[in-house]
């Protein structure tokens, strides 16, 4: 899968609140499908579909421990998504810094135009 395709799959997986809640639970530690299904009012097969989507996106993996197949968070896919978003965060930070500079310049110009050459405001104060 290409990096762009991986990002598409990651963001598609993150678009669902149930899947985000499952990731939040797995951030606390491994859990079985039964444990992950407990807080949701949906069937275990429905939870399994969500897990398959998360697994396809590389956000989780499933191990094998005797009869149990614990799920665990795989942080690299989230790190890749965060890296992609970081570029936009930097764009907005630079844009806001330029806006701050522009506003500072405008405030300075407004303050100077309200003063006459003798340093008094138009009311002579």
PDB file of N, CA and C in Angstrom:
ATOM      1  N   UNK A   1       0.857  -1.179   0.000  1.00  0.00           N
ATOM      2  CA  UNK A   1       0.000   0.000   0.000  1.00  0.00           C
ATOM      3  C   UNK A   1       0.901   1.240   0.000  1.00  0.00           C
ATOM      4  N   UNK A   2       0.506   2.231  -0.766  1.00  0.00           N
ATOM      5  CA  UNK A   2       1.294   3.470  -0.835  1.00  0.00           C
ATOM      6  C   UNK A   2       1.091   4.278   0.451  1.00  0.00           C
ATOM      7  N   UNK A   3       2.019   5.210   0.741  1.00  0.00           N
ATOM      8  CA  UNK A   3       1.818   6.061   1.932  1.00  0.00           C
ATOM      9  C   UNK A   3       0.501   6.828   1.881  1.00  0.00           C
ATOM     10  N   UNK A   4       0.127   7.290   0.692  1.00  0.00           N
ATOM     11  CA  UNK A   4      -1.141   8.014   0.562  1.00  0.00           C
ATOM     12  C   UNK A   4      -2.320   7.072   0.833  1.00  0.00           C
ATOM     13  N   UNK A   5      -2.233   5.851   0.336  1.00  0.00           N
ATOM     14  CA  UNK A   5      -3.286   4.870   0.581  1.00  0.00           C
ATOM     15  C   UNK A   5      -3.395   4.506   2.047  1.00  0.00           C
ATOM     16  N   UNK A   6      -2.229   4.419   2.724  1.00  0.00           N
ATOM     17  CA  UNK A   6      -2.246   4.125   4.171  1.00  0.00           C
ATOM     18  C   UNK A   6      -2.924   5.247   4.943  1.00  0.00           C
ATOM     19  N   UNK A   7      -2.625   6.509   4.553  1.00  0.00           N
ATOM     20  CA  UNK A   7      -3.279   7.647   5.224  1.00  0.00           C
ATOM     21  C   UNK A   7      -4.782   7.622   4.988  1.00  0.00           C
ATOM     22  N   UNK A   8      -5.186   7.313   3.752  1.00  0.00           N
ATOM     23  CA  UNK A   8      -6.624   7.220   3.458  1.00  0.00           C
ATOM     24  C   UNK A   8      -7.288   6.190   4.366  1.00  0.00           C
ATOM     25  N   UNK A   9      -6.657   5.033   4.492  1.00  0.00           N
ATOM     26  CA  UNK A   9      -7.220   3.960   5.316  1.00  0.00           C
ATOM     27  C   UNK A   9      -7.228   4.360   6.794  1.00  0.00           C
ATOM     28  N   UNK A  10      -6.163   5.015   7.226  1.00  0.00           N
ATOM     29  CA  UNK A  10      -6.092   5.448   8.627  1.00  0.00           C
ATOM     30  C   UNK A  10      -7.192   6.450   8.943  1.00  0.00           C
ATOM     31  N   UNK A  11      -7.341   7.470   8.101  1.00  0.00           N
ATOM     32  CA  UNK A  11      -8.364   8.479   8.390  1.00  0.00           C
ATOM     33  C   UNK A  11      -9.773   7.916   8.228  1.00  0.00           C
ATOM     34  N   UNK A  12      -9.959   6.987   7.302  1.00  0.00           N
ATOM     35  CA  UNK A  12     -11.271   6.338   7.173  1.00  0.00           C
ATOM     36  C   UNK A  12     -11.593   5.559   8.450  1.00  0.00           C
ATOM     37  N   UNK A  13     -10.590   4.891   9.003  1.00  0.00           N
ATOM     38  CA  UNK A  13     -10.800   4.144  10.251  1.00  0.00           C
ATOM     39  C   UNK A  13     -11.083   5.094  11.411  1.00  0.00           C
ATOM     40  N   UNK A  14     -10.398   6.221  11.436  1.00  0.00           N
ATOM     41  CA  UNK A  14     -10.570   7.176  12.540  1.00  0.00           C
ATOM     42  C   UNK A  14     -11.867   7.976  12.424  1.00  0.00           C
ATOM     43  N   UNK A  15     -12.551   7.889  11.296  1.00  0.00           N
ATOM     44  CA  UNK A  15     -13.770   8.672  11.094  1.00  0.00           C
ATOM     45  C   UNK A  15     -14.941   8.184  11.936  1.00  0.00           C
ATOM     46  N   UNK A  16     -14.840   6.994  12.476  1.00  0.00           N
ATOM     47  CA  UNK A  16     -15.951   6.417  13.230  1.00  0.00           C
ATOM     48  C   UNK A  16     -15.720   6.554  14.741  1.00  0.00           C
ATOM     49  N   UNK A  17     -16.714   7.075  15.488  1.00  0.00           N
ATOM     50  CA  UNK A  17     -16.516   7.266  16.935  1.00  0.00           C
ATOM     51  C   UNK A  17     -16.314   5.961  17.701  1.00  0.00           C
ATOM     52  N   UNK A  18     -16.939   4.874  17.243  1.00  0.00           N
ATOM     53  CA  UNK A  18     -16.742   3.592  17.934  1.00  0.00           C
ATOM     54  C   UNK A  18     -15.287   3.151  17.796  1.00  0.00           C
ATOM     55  N   UNK A  19     -14.737   3.299  16.619  1.00  0.00           N
ATOM     56  CA  UNK A  19     -13.335   2.897  16.413  1.00  0.00           C
ATOM     57  C   UNK A  19     -12.392   3.790  17.218  1.00  0.00           C
ATOM     58  N   UNK A  20     -12.708   5.090  17.302  1.00  0.00           N
ATOM     59  CA  UNK A  20     -11.856   5.972  18.119  1.00  0.00           C
ATOM     60  C   UNK A  20     -11.950   5.571  19.586  1.00  0.00           C
ATOM     61  N   UNK A  21     -13.131   5.194  20.036  1.00  0.00           N
ATOM     62  CA  UNK A  21     -13.293   4.753  21.438  1.00  0.00           C
ATOM     63  C   UNK A  21     -12.516   3.455  21.671  1.00  0.00           C
ATOM     64  N   UNK A  22     -12.515   2.576  20.703  1.00  0.00           N
ATOM     65  CA  UNK A  22     -11.746   1.327  20.846  1.00  0.00           C
ATOM     66  C   UNK A  22     -10.253   1.658  20.945  1.00  0.00           C
ATOM     67  N   UNK A  23      -9.785   2.581  20.123  1.00  0.00           N
ATOM     68  CA  UNK A  23      -8.369   2.972  20.198  1.00  0.00           C
ATOM     69  C   UNK A  23      -8.045   3.589  21.556  1.00  0.00           C
ATOM     70  N   UNK A  24      -8.958   4.412  22.067  1.00  0.00           N
ATOM     71  CA  UNK A  24      -8.734   5.017  23.390  1.00  0.00           C
ATOM     72  C   UNK A  24      -8.638   3.937  24.463  1.00  0.00           C
ATOM     73  N   UNK A  25      -9.485   2.917  24.353  1.00  0.00           N
ATOM     74  CA  UNK A  25      -9.423   1.818  25.323  1.00  0.00           C
ATOM     75  C   UNK A  25      -8.101   1.064  25.195  1.00  0.00           C
ATOM     76  N   UNK A  26      -7.677   0.813  23.953  1.00  0.00           N
ATOM     77  CA  UNK A  26      -6.435   0.063  23.746  1.00  0.00           C
ATOM     78  C   UNK A  26      -5.194   0.878  24.141  1.00  0.00           C
ATOM     79  N   UNK A  27      -5.329   2.190  24.203  1.00  0.00           N
ATOM     80  CA  UNK A  27      -4.206   3.008  24.680  1.00  0.00           C
ATOM     81  C   UNK A  27      -3.906   2.704  26.142  1.00  0.00           C
ATOM     82  N   UNK A  28      -4.887   2.124  26.851  1.00  0.00           N
ATOM     83  CA  UNK A  28      -4.689   1.758  28.257  1.00  0.00           C
ATOM     84  C   UNK A  28      -4.048   0.379  28.402  1.00  0.00           C
ATOM     85  N   UNK A  29      -4.094  -0.408  27.330  1.00  0.00           N
ATOM     86  CA  UNK A  29      -3.501  -1.744  27.368  1.00  0.00           C
ATOM     87  C   UNK A  29      -4.273  -2.715  26.502  1.00  0.00           C
ATOM     88  N   UNK A  30      -3.713  -3.909  26.342  1.00  0.00           N
ATOM     89  CA  UNK A  30      -4.333  -4.943  25.514  1.00  0.00           C
ATOM     90  C   UNK A  30      -5.722  -5.291  26.038  1.00  0.00           C
ATOM     91  N   UNK A  31      -6.566  -5.746  25.119  1.00  0.00           N
ATOM     92  CA  UNK A  31      -7.913  -6.176  25.507  1.00  0.00           C
ATOM     93  C   UNK A  31      -8.416  -7.201  24.501  1.00  0.00           C
ATOM     94  N   UNK A  32      -9.269  -8.094  24.972  1.00  0.00           N
ATOM     95  CA  UNK A  32      -9.887  -9.080  24.084  1.00  0.00           C
ATOM     96  C   UNK A  32     -11.077  -8.441  23.372  1.00  0.00           C
ATOM     97  N   UNK A  33     -11.594  -9.119  22.374  1.00  0.00           N
ATOM     98  CA  UNK A  33     -12.762  -8.609  21.653  1.00  0.00           C
ATOM     99  C   UNK A  33     -13.939  -8.472  22.616  1.00  0.00           C
ATOM    100  N   UNK A  34     -14.099  -9.444  23.495  1.00  0.00           N
ATOM    101  CA  UNK A  34     -15.198  -9.393  24.472  1.00  0.00           C
ATOM    102  C   UNK A  34     -15.051  -8.162  25.375  1.00  0.00           C
ATOM    103  N   UNK A  35     -13.852  -7.920  25.848  1.00  0.00           N
ATOM    104  CA  UNK A  35     -13.621  -6.747  26.701  1.00  0.00           C
ATOM    105  C   UNK A  35     -13.884  -5.455  25.933  1.00  0.00           C
ATOM    106  N   UNK A  36     -13.477  -5.423  24.663  1.00  0.00           N
ATOM    107  CA  UNK A  36     -13.679  -4.210  23.865  1.00  0.00           C
ATOM    108  C   UNK A  36     -15.150  -3.979  23.554  1.00  0.00           C
ATOM    109  N   UNK A  37     -15.926  -5.057  23.459  1.00  0.00           N
ATOM    110  CA  UNK A  37     -17.344  -4.946  23.107  1.00  0.00           C
ATOM    111  C   UNK A  37     -18.205  -4.496  24.286  1.00  0.00           C
ATOM    112  N   UNK A  38     -17.735  -4.687  25.520  1.00  0.00           N
ATOM    113  CA  UNK A  38     -18.561  -4.419  26.714  1.00  0.00           C
ATOM    114  C   UNK A  38     -19.204  -3.038  26.754  1.00  0.00           C
ATOM    115  N   UNK A  39     -18.483  -1.954  26.515  1.00  0.00           N
ATOM    116  CA  UNK A  39     -19.137  -0.638  26.673  1.00  0.00           C
ATOM    117  C   UNK A  39     -20.096  -0.260  25.545  1.00  0.00           C
ATOM    118  N   UNK A  40     -20.183  -1.074  24.506  1.00  0.00           N
ATOM    119  CA  UNK A  40     -20.995  -0.694  23.350  1.00  0.00           C
ATOM    120  C   UNK A  40     -22.269  -1.522  23.283  1.00  0.00           C
ATOM    121  N   UNK A  41     -23.340  -0.891  22.833  1.00  0.00           N
ATOM    122  CA  UNK A  41     -24.608  -1.586  22.656  1.00  0.00           C
ATOM    123  C   UNK A  41     -24.668  -2.124  21.234  1.00  0.00           C
ATOM    124  N   UNK A  42     -23.758  -3.035  20.938  1.00  0.00           N
ATOM    125  CA  UNK A  42     -23.736  -3.664  19.617  1.00  0.00           C
ATOM    126  C   UNK A  42     -23.204  -5.078  19.765  1.00  0.00           C
ATOM    127  N   UNK A  43     -23.467  -5.868  18.755  1.00  0.00           N
ATOM    128  CA  UNK A  43     -23.080  -7.275  18.818  1.00  0.00           C
ATOM    129  C   UNK A  43     -21.564  -7.429  18.691  1.00  0.00           C
ATOM    130  N   UNK A  44     -21.090  -8.585  19.136  1.00  0.00           N
ATOM    131  CA  UNK A  44     -19.658  -8.854  19.022  1.00  0.00           C
ATOM    132  C   UNK A  44     -19.218  -8.919  17.558  1.00  0.00           C
ATOM    133  N   UNK A  45     -20.038  -9.485  16.633  1.00  0.00           N
ATOM    134  CA  UNK A  45     -19.643  -9.432  15.221  1.00  0.00           C
ATOM    135  C   UNK A  45     -19.500  -7.994  14.696  1.00  0.00           C
ATOM    136  N   UNK A  46     -20.351  -7.084  15.179  1.00  0.00           N
ATOM    137  CA  UNK A  46     -20.234  -5.684  14.754  1.00  0.00           C
ATOM    138  C   UNK A  46     -18.923  -5.086  15.254  1.00  0.00           C
ATOM    139  N   UNK A  47     -18.569  -5.415  16.499  1.00  0.00           N
ATOM    140  CA  UNK A  47     -17.276  -4.951  17.034  1.00  0.00           C
ATOM    141  C   UNK A  47     -16.140  -5.560  16.229  1.00  0.00           C
ATOM    142  N   UNK A  48     -16.283  -6.827  15.844  1.00  0.00           N
ATOM    143  CA  UNK A  48     -15.236  -7.476  15.051  1.00  0.00           C
ATOM    144  C   UNK A  48     -15.037  -6.771  13.716  1.00  0.00           C
ATOM    145  N   UNK A  49     -16.113  -6.277  13.121  1.00  0.00           N
ATOM    146  CA  UNK A  49     -15.980  -5.522  11.861  1.00  0.00           C
ATOM    147  C   UNK A  49     -15.174  -4.246  12.081  1.00  0.00           C
ATOM    148  N   UNK A  50     -15.443  -3.574  13.198  1.00  0.00           N
ATOM    149  CA  UNK A  50     -14.665  -2.364  13.520  1.00  0.00           C
ATOM    150  C   UNK A  50     -13.196  -2.725  13.726  1.00  0.00           C
ATOM    151  N   UNK A  51     -12.954  -3.843  14.403  1.00  0.00           N
ATOM    152  CA  UNK A  51     -11.568  -4.251  14.652  1.00  0.00           C
ATOM    153  C   UNK A  51     -10.853  -4.589  13.352  1.00  0.00           C
ATOM    154  N   UNK A  52     -11.564  -5.229  12.438  1.00  0.00           N
ATOM    155  CA  UNK A  52     -10.946  -5.539  11.137  1.00  0.00           C
ATOM    156  C   UNK A  52     -10.548  -4.265  10.402  1.00  0.00           C
ATOM    157  N   UNK A  53     -11.402  -3.254  10.473  1.00  0.00           N
ATOM    158  CA  UNK A  53     -11.087  -1.967   9.825  1.00  0.00           C
ATOM    159  C   UNK A  53      -9.859  -1.334  10.484  1.00  0.00           C
ATOM    160  N   UNK A  54      -9.796  -1.383  11.807  1.00  0.00           N
ATOM    161  CA  UNK A  54      -8.643  -0.824  12.519  1.00  0.00           C
ATOM    162  C   UNK A  54      -7.375  -1.615  12.209  1.00  0.00           C
ATOM    163  N   UNK A  55      -7.519  -2.926  12.096  1.00  0.00           N
ATOM    164  CA  UNK A  55      -6.375  -3.782  11.788  1.00  0.00           C
ATOM    165  C   UNK A  55      -5.888  -3.522  10.357  1.00  0.00           C
ATOM    166  N   UNK A  56      -6.816  -3.374   9.410  1.00  0.00           N
ATOM    167  CA  UNK A  56      -6.465  -3.088   8.016  1.00  0.00           C
ATOM    168  C   UNK A  56      -5.719  -1.754   7.919  1.00  0.00           C
ATOM    169  N   UNK A  57      -6.084  -0.807   8.753  1.00  0.00           N
ATOM    170  CA  UNK A  57      -5.430   0.503   8.757  1.00  0.00           C
ATOM    171  C   UNK A  57      -4.097   0.471   9.499  1.00  0.00           C
ATOM    172  N   UNK A  58      -3.770  -0.646  10.114  1.00  0.00           N
ATOM    173  CA  UNK A  58      -2.504  -0.760  10.850  1.00  0.00           C
ATOM    174  C   UNK A  58      -2.545  -0.098  12.205  1.00  0.00           C
ATOM    175  N   UNK A  59      -3.761   0.242  12.669  1.00  0.00           N
ATOM    176  CA  UNK A  59      -3.881   0.928  13.953  1.00  0.00           C
ATOM    177  C   UNK A  59      -3.874  -0.038  15.135  1.00  0.00           C
ATOM    178  N   UNK A  60      -4.233  -1.287  14.877  1.00  0.00           N
ATOM    179  CA  UNK A  60      -4.179  -2.299  15.936  1.00  0.00           C
ATOM    180  C   UNK A  60      -3.611  -3.589  15.344  1.00  0.00           C
ATOM    181  N   UNK A  61      -3.219  -4.478  16.228  1.00  0.00           N
ATOM    182  CA  UNK A  61      -2.824  -5.827  15.820  1.00  0.00           C
ATOM    183  C   UNK A  61      -3.463  -6.789  16.805  1.00  0.00           C
ATOM    184  N   UNK A  62      -3.585  -8.032  16.372  1.00  0.00           N
ATOM    185  CA  UNK A  62      -4.160  -9.068  17.237  1.00  0.00           C
ATOM    186  C   UNK A  62      -3.122 -10.151  17.453  1.00  0.00           C
ATOM    187  N   UNK A  63      -2.957 -10.518  18.685  1.00  0.00           N
ATOM    188  CA  UNK A  63      -2.012 -11.575  19.019  1.00  0.00           C
ATOM    189  C   UNK A  63      -2.746 -12.867  19.304  1.00  0.00           C
ATOM    190  N   UNK A  64      -2.036 -13.813  19.825  1.00  0.00           N
ATOM    191  CA  UNK A  64      -2.655 -15.077  20.212  1.00  0.00           C
ATOM    192  C   UNK A  64      -2.066 -15.462  21.556  1.00  0.00           C
ATOM    193  N   UNK A  65      -2.942 -15.697  22.525  1.00  0.00           N
ATOM    194  CA  UNK A  65      -2.548 -16.075  23.882  1.00  0.00           C
ATOM    195  C   UNK A  65      -3.502 -17.186  24.309  1.00  0.00           C
ATOM    196  N   UNK A  66      -3.102 -18.433  24.024  1.00  0.00           N
ATOM    197  CA  UNK A  66      -3.960 -19.605  24.278  1.00  0.00           C
ATOM    198  C   UNK A  66      -5.272 -19.430  23.525  1.00  0.00           C
ATOM    199  N   UNK A  67      -6.393 -19.371  24.237  1.00  0.00           N
ATOM    200  CA  UNK A  67      -7.714 -19.226  23.611  1.00  0.00           C
ATOM    201  C   UNK A  67      -8.049 -17.765  23.315  1.00  0.00           C
ATOM    202  N   UNK A  68      -7.235 -16.889  23.795  1.00  0.00           N
ATOM    203  CA  UNK A  68      -7.519 -15.457  23.727  1.00  0.00           C
ATOM    204  C   UNK A  68      -6.763 -14.821  22.561  1.00  0.00           C
ATOM    205  N   UNK A  69      -7.381 -13.853  21.898  1.00  0.00           N
ATOM    206  CA  UNK A  69      -6.708 -13.092  20.832  1.00  0.00           C
ATOM    207  C   UNK A  69      -6.716 -11.624  21.233  1.00  0.00           C
ATOM    208  N   UNK A  70      -5.775 -11.231  22.085  1.00  0.00           N
ATOM    209  CA  UNK A  70      -5.783  -9.840  22.555  1.00  0.00           C
ATOM    210  C   UNK A  70      -5.449  -8.855  21.432  1.00  0.00           C
ATOM    211  N   UNK A  71      -6.094  -7.715  21.479  1.00  0.00           N
ATOM    212  CA  UNK A  71      -5.834  -6.630  20.535  1.00  0.00           C
ATOM    213  C   UNK A  71      -4.916  -5.627  21.214  1.00  0.00           C
ATOM    214  N   UNK A  72      -4.063  -5.042  20.429  1.00  0.00           N
ATOM    215  CA  UNK A  72      -3.173  -4.016  20.983  1.00  0.00           C
ATOM    216  C   UNK A  72      -3.044  -2.862  19.998  1.00  0.00           C
ATOM    217  N   UNK A  73      -2.786  -1.706  20.539  1.00  0.00           N
ATOM    218  CA  UNK A  73      -2.627  -0.492  19.734  1.00  0.00           C
ATOM    219  C   UNK A  73      -1.286  -0.537  19.019  1.00  0.00           C
ATOM    220  N   UNK A  74      -1.281  -0.166  17.757  1.00  0.00           N
ATOM    221  CA  UNK A  74      -0.038  -0.045  16.983  1.00  0.00           C
ATOM    222  C   UNK A  74       0.162   1.447  16.712  1.00  0.00           C
ATOM    223  N   UNK A  75       1.068   2.081  17.409  1.00  0.00           N
ATOM    224  CA  UNK A  75       1.166   3.543  17.362  1.00  0.00           C
ATOM    225  C   UNK A  75       1.733   4.130  16.070  1.00  0.00           C
ATOM    226  N   UNK A  76       2.385   3.325  15.249  1.00  0.00           N
ATOM    227  CA  UNK A  76       3.044   3.899  14.063  1.00  0.00           C
ATOM    228  C   UNK A  76       2.051   4.541  13.095  1.00  0.00           C
ATOM    229  N   UNK A  77       0.897   3.910  12.883  1.00  0.00           N
ATOM    230  CA  UNK A  77      -0.088   4.492  11.956  1.00  0.00           C
ATOM    231  C   UNK A  77      -0.590   5.834  12.483  1.00  0.00           C
ATOM    232  N   UNK A  78      -0.779   5.928  13.798  1.00  0.00           N
ATOM    233  CA  UNK A  78      -1.194   7.213  14.380  1.00  0.00           C
ATOM    234  C   UNK A  78      -0.069   8.236  14.248  1.00  0.00           C
ATOM    235  N   UNK A  79       1.173   7.791  14.414  1.00  0.00           N
ATOM    236  CA  UNK A  79       2.320   8.700  14.269  1.00  0.00           C
ATOM    237  C   UNK A  79       2.401   9.213  12.832  1.00  0.00           C
ATOM    238  N   UNK A  80       2.146   8.343  11.858  1.00  0.00           N
ATOM    239  CA  UNK A  80       2.157   8.771  10.450  1.00  0.00           C
ATOM    240  C   UNK A  80       1.063   9.810  10.190  1.00  0.00           C
ATOM    241  N   UNK A  81      -0.143   9.573  10.725  1.00  0.00           N
ATOM    242  CA  UNK A  81      -1.241  10.528  10.550  1.00  0.00           C
ATOM    243  C   UNK A  81      -0.899  11.852  11.237  1.00  0.00           C
ATOM    244  N   UNK A  82      -0.313  11.764  12.423  1.00  0.00           N
ATOM    245  CA  UNK A  82       0.084  12.975  13.139  1.00  0.00           C
ATOM    246  C   UNK A  82       1.159  13.739  12.359  1.00  0.00           C
ATOM    247  N   UNK A  83       2.085  13.023  11.746  1.00  0.00           N
ATOM    248  CA  UNK A  83       3.115  13.668  10.934  1.00  0.00           C
ATOM    249  C   UNK A  83       2.515  14.416   9.751  1.00  0.00           C
ATOM    250  N   UNK A  84       1.501  13.837   9.142  1.00  0.00           N
ATOM    251  CA  UNK A  84       0.832  14.504   8.027  1.00  0.00           C
ATOM    252  C   UNK A  84       0.127  15.767   8.510  1.00  0.00           C
ATOM    253  N   UNK A  85      -0.562  15.670   9.661  1.00  0.00           N
ATOM    254  CA  UNK A  85      -1.262  16.829  10.212  1.00  0.00           C
ATOM    255  C   UNK A  85      -0.290  17.907  10.690  1.00  0.00           C
ATOM    256  N   UNK A  86       0.904  17.499  11.132  1.00  0.00           N
ATOM    257  CA  UNK A  86       1.901  18.438  11.641  1.00  0.00           C
ATOM    258  C   UNK A  86       2.254  19.494  10.587  1.00  0.00           C
ATOM    259  N   UNK A  87       2.324  19.083   9.320  1.00  0.00           N
ATOM    260  CA  UNK A  87       2.604  20.049   8.257  1.00  0.00           C
ATOM    261  C   UNK A  87       1.561  21.158   8.206  1.00  0.00           C
ATOM    262  N   UNK A  88       0.320  20.805   8.409  1.00  0.00           N
ATOM    263  CA  UNK A  88      -0.750  21.807   8.401  1.00  0.00           C
ATOM    264  C   UNK A  88      -0.735  22.640   9.674  1.00  0.00           C
ATOM    265  N   UNK A  89      -0.361  22.024  10.799  1.00  0.00           N
ATOM    266  CA  UNK A  89      -0.247  22.798  12.038  1.00  0.00           C
ATOM    267  C   UNK A  89       0.815  23.890  11.871  1.00  0.00           C
ATOM    268  N   UNK A  90       1.942  23.526  11.263  1.00  0.00           N
ATOM    269  CA  UNK A  90       3.008  24.508  11.033  1.00  0.00           C
ATOM    270  C   UNK A  90       2.544  25.599  10.073  1.00  0.00           C
ATOM    271  N   UNK A  91       1.772  25.225   9.045  1.00  0.00           N
ATOM    272  CA  UNK A  91       1.233  26.222   8.118  1.00  0.00           C
ATOM    273  C   UNK A  91       0.390  27.244   8.881  1.00  0.00           C
ATOM    274  N   UNK A  92      -0.527  26.738   9.738  1.00  0.00           N
ATOM    275  CA  UNK A  92      -1.407  27.664  10.470  1.00  0.00           C
ATOM    276  C   UNK A  92      -0.641  28.493  11.477  1.00  0.00           C
ATOM    277  N   UNK A  93       0.374  27.922  12.103  1.00  0.00           N
ATOM    278  CA  UNK A  93       1.178  28.686  13.063  1.00  0.00           C
ATOM    279  C   UNK A  93       1.895  29.829  12.356  1.00  0.00           C
ATOM    280  N   UNK A  94       2.486  29.554  11.191  1.00  0.00           N
ATOM    281  CA  UNK A  94       3.162  30.594  10.420  1.00  0.00           C
ATOM    282  C   UNK A  94       2.165  31.657   9.975  1.00  0.00           C
ATOM    283  N   UNK A  95       0.994  31.242   9.541  1.00  0.00           N
ATOM    284  CA  UNK A  95      -0.035  32.190   9.098  1.00  0.00           C
ATOM    285  C   UNK A  95      -0.460  33.101  10.257  1.00  0.00           C
ATOM    286  N   UNK A  96      -0.671  32.540  11.430  1.00  0.00           N
ATOM    287  CA  UNK A  96      -1.081  33.352  12.584  1.00  0.00           C
ATOM    288  C   UNK A  96       0.046  34.284  13.039  1.00  0.00           C
ATOM    289  N   UNK A  97       1.299  33.830  12.922  1.00  0.00           N
ATOM    290  CA  UNK A  97       2.413  34.715  13.279  1.00  0.00           C
ATOM    291  C   UNK A  97       2.462  35.913  12.330  1.00  0.00           C
ATOM    292  N   UNK A  98       2.241  35.672  11.029  1.00  0.00           N
ATOM    293  CA  UNK A  98       2.210  36.788  10.063  1.00  0.00           C
ATOM    294  C   UNK A  98       1.043  37.719  10.362  1.00  0.00           C
ATOM    295  N   UNK A  99      -0.098  37.176  10.743  1.00  0.00           N
ATOM    296  CA  UNK A  99      -1.255  37.997  11.098  1.00  0.00           C
ATOM    297  C   UNK A  99      -0.950  38.840  12.331  1.00  0.00           C
ATOM    298  N   UNK A 100      -0.286  38.251  13.329  1.00  0.00           N
ATOM    299  CA  UNK A 100       0.111  39.007  14.525  1.00  0.00           C
ATOM    300  C   UNK A 100       1.013  40.183  14.151  1.00  0.00           C
ATOM    301  N   UNK A 101       1.980  39.919  13.257  1.00  0.00           N
ATOM    302  CA  UNK A 101       2.885  40.995  12.832  1.00  0.00           C
ATOM    303  C   UNK A 101       2.119  42.098  12.120  1.00  0.00           C
ATOM    304  N   UNK A 102       1.192  41.727  11.241  1.00  0.00           N
ATOM    305  CA  UNK A 102       0.387  42.702  10.520  1.00  0.00           C
ATOM    306  C   UNK A 102      -0.452  43.529  11.490  1.00  0.00           C
ATOM    307  N   UNK A 103      -1.069  42.878  12.461  1.00  0.00           N
ATOM    308  CA  UNK A 103      -1.876  43.606  13.452  1.00  0.00           C
ATOM    309  C   UNK A 103      -1.015  44.545  14.290  1.00  0.00           C
ATOM    310  N   UNK A 104       0.192  44.111  14.649  1.00  0.00           N
ATOM    311  CA  UNK A 104       1.107  44.977  15.394  1.00  0.00           C
ATOM    312  C   UNK A 104       1.481  46.202  14.568  1.00  0.00           C
ATOM    313  N   UNK A 105       1.745  45.994  13.273  1.00  0.00           N
ATOM    314  CA  UNK A 105       2.073  47.121  12.390  1.00  0.00           C
ATOM    315  C   UNK A 105       0.890  48.077  12.279  1.00  0.00           C
ATOM    316  N   UNK A 106      -0.306  47.533  12.141  1.00  0.00           N
ATOM    317  CA  UNK A 106      -1.497  48.374  12.028  1.00  0.00           C
ATOM    318  C   UNK A 106      -1.735  49.160  13.311  1.00  0.00           C
ATOM    319  N   UNK A 107      -1.513  48.527  14.460  1.00  0.00           N
ATOM    320  CA  UNK A 107      -1.668  49.233  15.738  1.00  0.00           C
ATOM    321  C   UNK A 107      -0.657  50.357  15.846  1.00  0.00           C
ATOM    322  N   UNK A 108       0.580  50.078  15.420  1.00  0.00           N
ATOM    323  CA  UNK A 108       1.624  51.111  15.482  1.00  0.00           C
ATOM    324  C   UNK A 108       1.290  52.268  14.554  1.00  0.00           C
ATOM    325  N   UNK A 109       0.816  51.989  13.341  1.00  0.00           N
ATOM    326  CA  UNK A 109       0.448  53.051  12.397  1.00  0.00           C
ATOM    327  C   UNK A 109      -0.730  53.858  12.917  1.00  0.00           C
ATOM    328  N   UNK A 110      -1.725  53.192  13.493  1.00  0.00           N
ATOM    329  CA  UNK A 110      -2.896  53.877  14.029  1.00  0.00           C
ATOM    330  C   UNK A 110      -2.491  54.778  15.186  1.00  0.00           C
ATOM    331  N   UNK A 111      -1.616  54.302  16.020  1.00  0.00           N
ATOM    332  CA  UNK A 111      -1.141  55.101  17.153  1.00  0.00           C
ATOM    333  C   UNK A 111      -0.379  56.314  16.687  1.00  0.00           C
ATOM    334  N   UNK A 112       0.430  56.210  15.630  1.00  0.00           N
ATOM    335  CA  UNK A 112       1.202  57.330  15.118  1.00  0.00           C
ATOM    336  C   UNK A 112       0.307  58.328  14.394  1.00  0.00           C
ATOM    337  N   UNK A 113      -0.718  57.853  13.668  1.00  0.00           N
ATOM    338  CA  UNK A 113      -1.567  58.774  12.917  1.00  0.00           C
ATOM    339  C   UNK A 113      -2.465  59.572  13.846  1.00  0.00           C
ATOM    340  N   UNK A 114      -2.742  59.082  15.051  1.00  0.00           N
ATOM    341  CA  UNK A 114      -3.564  59.825  16.000  1.00  0.00           C
ATOM    342  C   UNK A 114      -2.764  60.940  16.679  1.00  0.00           C
ATOM    343  N   UNK A 115      -1.433  60.902  16.517  1.00  0.00           N
ATOM    344  CA  UNK A 115      -0.589  61.909  17.145  1.00  0.00           C
ATOM    345  C   UNK A 115      -0.209  62.978  16.104  1.00  0.00           C
ATOM    346  N   UNK A 116      -0.146  64.240  16.516  1.00  0.00           N
ATOM    347  CA  UNK A 116       0.354  65.272  15.610  1.00  0.00           C
ATOM    348  C   UNK A 116       1.870  65.321  15.708  1.00  0.00           C
ATOM    349  N   UNK A 117       2.533  66.079  14.882  1.00  0.00           N
ATOM    350  CA  UNK A 117       4.003  66.092  14.890  1.00  0.00           C
ATOM    351  C   UNK A 117       4.610  66.480  16.236  1.00  0.00           C
ATOM    352  N   UNK A 118       3.892  67.189  17.076  1.00  0.00           N
ATOM    353  CA  UNK A 118       4.420  67.581  18.390  1.00  0.00           C
ATOM    354  C   UNK A 118       4.216  66.475  19.428  1.00  0.00           C
ATOM    355  N   UNK A 119       3.632  65.333  19.002  1.00  0.00           N
ATOM    356  CA  UNK A 119       3.424  64.219  19.927  1.00  0.00           C
ATOM    357  C   UNK A 119       2.125  64.338  20.690  1.00  0.00           C
ATOM    358  N   UNK A 120       1.252  65.256  20.258  1.00  0.00           N
ATOM    359  CA  UNK A 120      -0.036  65.408  20.927  1.00  0.00           C
ATOM    360  C   UNK A 120      -1.126  64.768  20.082  1.00  0.00           C
ATOM    361  N   UNK A 121      -2.141  64.282  20.724  1.00  0.00           N
ATOM    362  CA  UNK A 121      -3.240  63.726  19.953  1.00  0.00           C
ATOM    363  C   UNK A 121      -4.054  64.874  19.356  1.00  0.00           C
ATOM    364  N   UNK A 122      -5.002  64.610  18.436  1.00  0.00           N
ATOM    365  CA  UNK A 122      -5.740  65.687  17.747  1.00  0.00           C
ATOM    366  C   UNK A 122      -6.467  66.641  18.687  1.00  0.00           C
ATOM    367  N   UNK A 123      -6.782  66.257  19.939  1.00  0.00           N
ATOM    368  CA  UNK A 123      -7.470  67.152  20.873  1.00  0.00           C
ATOM    369  C   UNK A 123      -6.490  68.082  21.568  1.00  0.00           C
ATOM    370  N   UNK A 124      -5.189  67.929  21.275  1.00  0.00           N
ATOM    371  CA  UNK A 124      -4.186  68.791  21.885  1.00  0.00           C
ATOM    372  C   UNK A 124      -3.773  68.353  23.264  1.00  0.00           C
ATOM    373  N   UNK A 125      -4.122  67.113  23.656  1.00  0.00           N
ATOM    374  CA  UNK A 125      -3.782  66.631  25.008  1.00  0.00           C
ATOM    375  C   UNK A 125      -2.442  65.951  25.018  1.00  0.00           C
TER     376      UNK A 125
END
